[in-house]
């Protein structure tokens, strides 16, 4: 879950052109299967970006390409 959260912060920061303070509002993760060996490939996608909220989806796959976990997230952009 920490990898999913971090990957989405990086994806949002990229879309915004740099890091901006934000907070995780929700993170729902479904674990499909264990990853016993090898690397985990984490892919984060922004589904919708509003003025204050960003919705995203994260997939975690093992090095064979099989889905190990899926997460959906919502972030609030913190105005300074």
C-alpha atoms as a PDB file:
ATOM      1  CA  UNK A   1       0.000   0.000   0.000  1.00  0.00           C
ATOM      2  CA  UNK A   2       2.887   2.348   0.708  1.00  0.00           C
ATOM      3  CA  UNK A   3       4.261   1.749  -2.790  1.00  0.00           C
ATOM      4  CA  UNK A   4       0.856   2.515  -4.317  1.00  0.00           C
ATOM      5  CA  UNK A   5       0.521   5.714  -2.293  1.00  0.00           C
ATOM      6  CA  UNK A   6       4.033   6.874  -3.183  1.00  0.00           C
ATOM      7  CA  UNK A   7       3.620   6.047  -6.890  1.00  0.00           C
ATOM      8  CA  UNK A   8       0.457   8.120  -7.097  1.00  0.00           C
ATOM      9  CA  UNK A   9       2.092  11.109  -5.378  1.00  0.00           C
ATOM     10  CA  UNK A  10       4.858  10.930  -8.005  1.00  0.00           C
ATOM     11  CA  UNK A  11       2.295  10.695 -10.843  1.00  0.00           C
ATOM     12  CA  UNK A  12       0.308  13.667  -9.524  1.00  0.00           C
ATOM     13  CA  UNK A  13       3.475  15.714  -9.011  1.00  0.00           C
ATOM     14  CA  UNK A  14       4.498  14.983 -12.597  1.00  0.00           C
ATOM     15  CA  UNK A  15       1.086  16.050 -13.913  1.00  0.00           C
ATOM     16  CA  UNK A  16       1.242  19.283 -11.883  1.00  0.00           C
ATOM     17  CA  UNK A  17       4.746  20.103 -13.120  1.00  0.00           C
ATOM     18  CA  UNK A  18       6.303  19.658  -9.690  1.00  0.00           C
ATOM     19  CA  UNK A  19       5.483  18.645  -6.154  1.00  0.00           C
ATOM     20  CA  UNK A  20       2.594  20.392  -4.458  1.00  0.00           C
ATOM     21  CA  UNK A  21       1.406  19.614  -0.918  1.00  0.00           C
ATOM     22  CA  UNK A  22      -1.328  16.964  -0.979  1.00  0.00           C
ATOM     23  CA  UNK A  23      -2.905  14.461   1.326  1.00  0.00           C
ATOM     24  CA  UNK A  24      -4.361  11.013   0.793  1.00  0.00           C
ATOM     25  CA  UNK A  25      -8.125  11.085   1.319  1.00  0.00           C
ATOM     26  CA  UNK A  26      -8.726   7.415   0.541  1.00  0.00           C
ATOM     27  CA  UNK A  27      -6.716   4.395  -0.542  1.00  0.00           C
ATOM     28  CA  UNK A  28      -8.524   1.124  -1.272  1.00  0.00           C
ATOM     29  CA  UNK A  29      -6.310  -1.840  -2.117  1.00  0.00           C
ATOM     30  CA  UNK A  30      -7.208  -5.323  -3.292  1.00  0.00           C
ATOM     31  CA  UNK A  31      -4.436  -7.907  -3.024  1.00  0.00           C
ATOM     32  CA  UNK A  32      -4.889 -10.540  -5.734  1.00  0.00           C
ATOM     33  CA  UNK A  33      -1.895 -12.808  -5.160  1.00  0.00           C
ATOM     34  CA  UNK A  34       1.460 -12.810  -3.391  1.00  0.00           C
ATOM     35  CA  UNK A  35       4.694 -11.897  -5.124  1.00  0.00           C
ATOM     36  CA  UNK A  36       7.166 -14.507  -3.932  1.00  0.00           C
ATOM     37  CA  UNK A  37      10.254 -13.526  -5.922  1.00  0.00           C
ATOM     38  CA  UNK A  38      11.343 -10.934  -8.438  1.00  0.00           C
ATOM     39  CA  UNK A  39      10.488  -7.301  -8.930  1.00  0.00           C
ATOM     40  CA  UNK A  40       7.131  -5.572  -8.589  1.00  0.00           C
ATOM     41  CA  UNK A  41       6.205  -3.103 -11.326  1.00  0.00           C
ATOM     42  CA  UNK A  42       3.981  -0.298 -10.041  1.00  0.00           C
ATOM     43  CA  UNK A  43       1.915   1.698 -12.554  1.00  0.00           C
ATOM     44  CA  UNK A  44      -0.028   4.770 -11.398  1.00  0.00           C
ATOM     45  CA  UNK A  45      -2.617   6.527 -13.574  1.00  0.00           C
ATOM     46  CA  UNK A  46      -4.614   9.667 -12.915  1.00  0.00           C
ATOM     47  CA  UNK A  47      -8.278   8.972 -13.707  1.00  0.00           C
ATOM     48  CA  UNK A  48      -9.625  12.469 -13.071  1.00  0.00           C
ATOM     49  CA  UNK A  49      -8.069  15.703 -11.916  1.00  0.00           C
ATOM     50  CA  UNK A  50     -10.282  18.400 -10.473  1.00  0.00           C
ATOM     51  CA  UNK A  51      -9.436  21.706  -8.892  1.00  0.00           C
ATOM     52  CA  UNK A  52      -8.969  20.258  -5.397  1.00  0.00           C
ATOM     53  CA  UNK A  53      -9.248  16.479  -5.773  1.00  0.00           C
ATOM     54  CA  UNK A  54      -7.331  13.952  -7.868  1.00  0.00           C
ATOM     55  CA  UNK A  55      -8.595  10.400  -8.432  1.00  0.00           C
ATOM     56  CA  UNK A  56      -6.202   7.642  -9.418  1.00  0.00           C
ATOM     57  CA  UNK A  57      -5.693   3.957 -10.036  1.00  0.00           C
ATOM     58  CA  UNK A  58      -2.596   1.865  -9.344  1.00  0.00           C
ATOM     59  CA  UNK A  59      -1.659  -1.613 -10.560  1.00  0.00           C
ATOM     60  CA  UNK A  60       1.121  -3.733  -9.116  1.00  0.00           C
ATOM     61  CA  UNK A  61       2.368  -6.577 -11.279  1.00  0.00           C
ATOM     62  CA  UNK A  62       5.081  -9.149 -10.731  1.00  0.00           C
ATOM     63  CA  UNK A  63       7.922  -9.525 -13.211  1.00  0.00           C
ATOM     64  CA  UNK A  64       5.855 -12.046 -15.223  1.00  0.00           C
ATOM     65  CA  UNK A  65       3.161  -9.402 -15.744  1.00  0.00           C
ATOM     66  CA  UNK A  66       0.530 -10.994 -13.503  1.00  0.00           C
ATOM     67  CA  UNK A  67      -1.590  -8.600 -11.450  1.00  0.00           C
ATOM     68  CA  UNK A  68      -0.676  -8.823  -7.765  1.00  0.00           C
ATOM     69  CA  UNK A  69      -2.608  -5.826  -6.388  1.00  0.00           C
ATOM     70  CA  UNK A  70      -4.963  -3.110  -7.553  1.00  0.00           C
ATOM     71  CA  UNK A  71      -5.703   0.168  -5.756  1.00  0.00           C
ATOM     72  CA  UNK A  72      -7.910   3.211  -6.192  1.00  0.00           C
ATOM     73  CA  UNK A  73      -7.069   6.517  -4.549  1.00  0.00           C
ATOM     74  CA  UNK A  74      -8.305  10.019  -3.909  1.00  0.00           C
ATOM     75  CA  UNK A  75      -5.981  12.912  -3.018  1.00  0.00           C
ATOM     76  CA  UNK A  76      -6.754  16.427  -1.880  1.00  0.00           C
ATOM     77  CA  UNK A  77      -4.461  19.171  -3.124  1.00  0.00           C
ATOM     78  CA  UNK A  78      -3.545  21.422  -0.188  1.00  0.00           C
ATOM     79  CA  UNK A  79      -3.601  25.110  -1.039  1.00  0.00           C
ATOM     80  CA  UNK A  80      -0.885  27.146   0.637  1.00  0.00           C
END
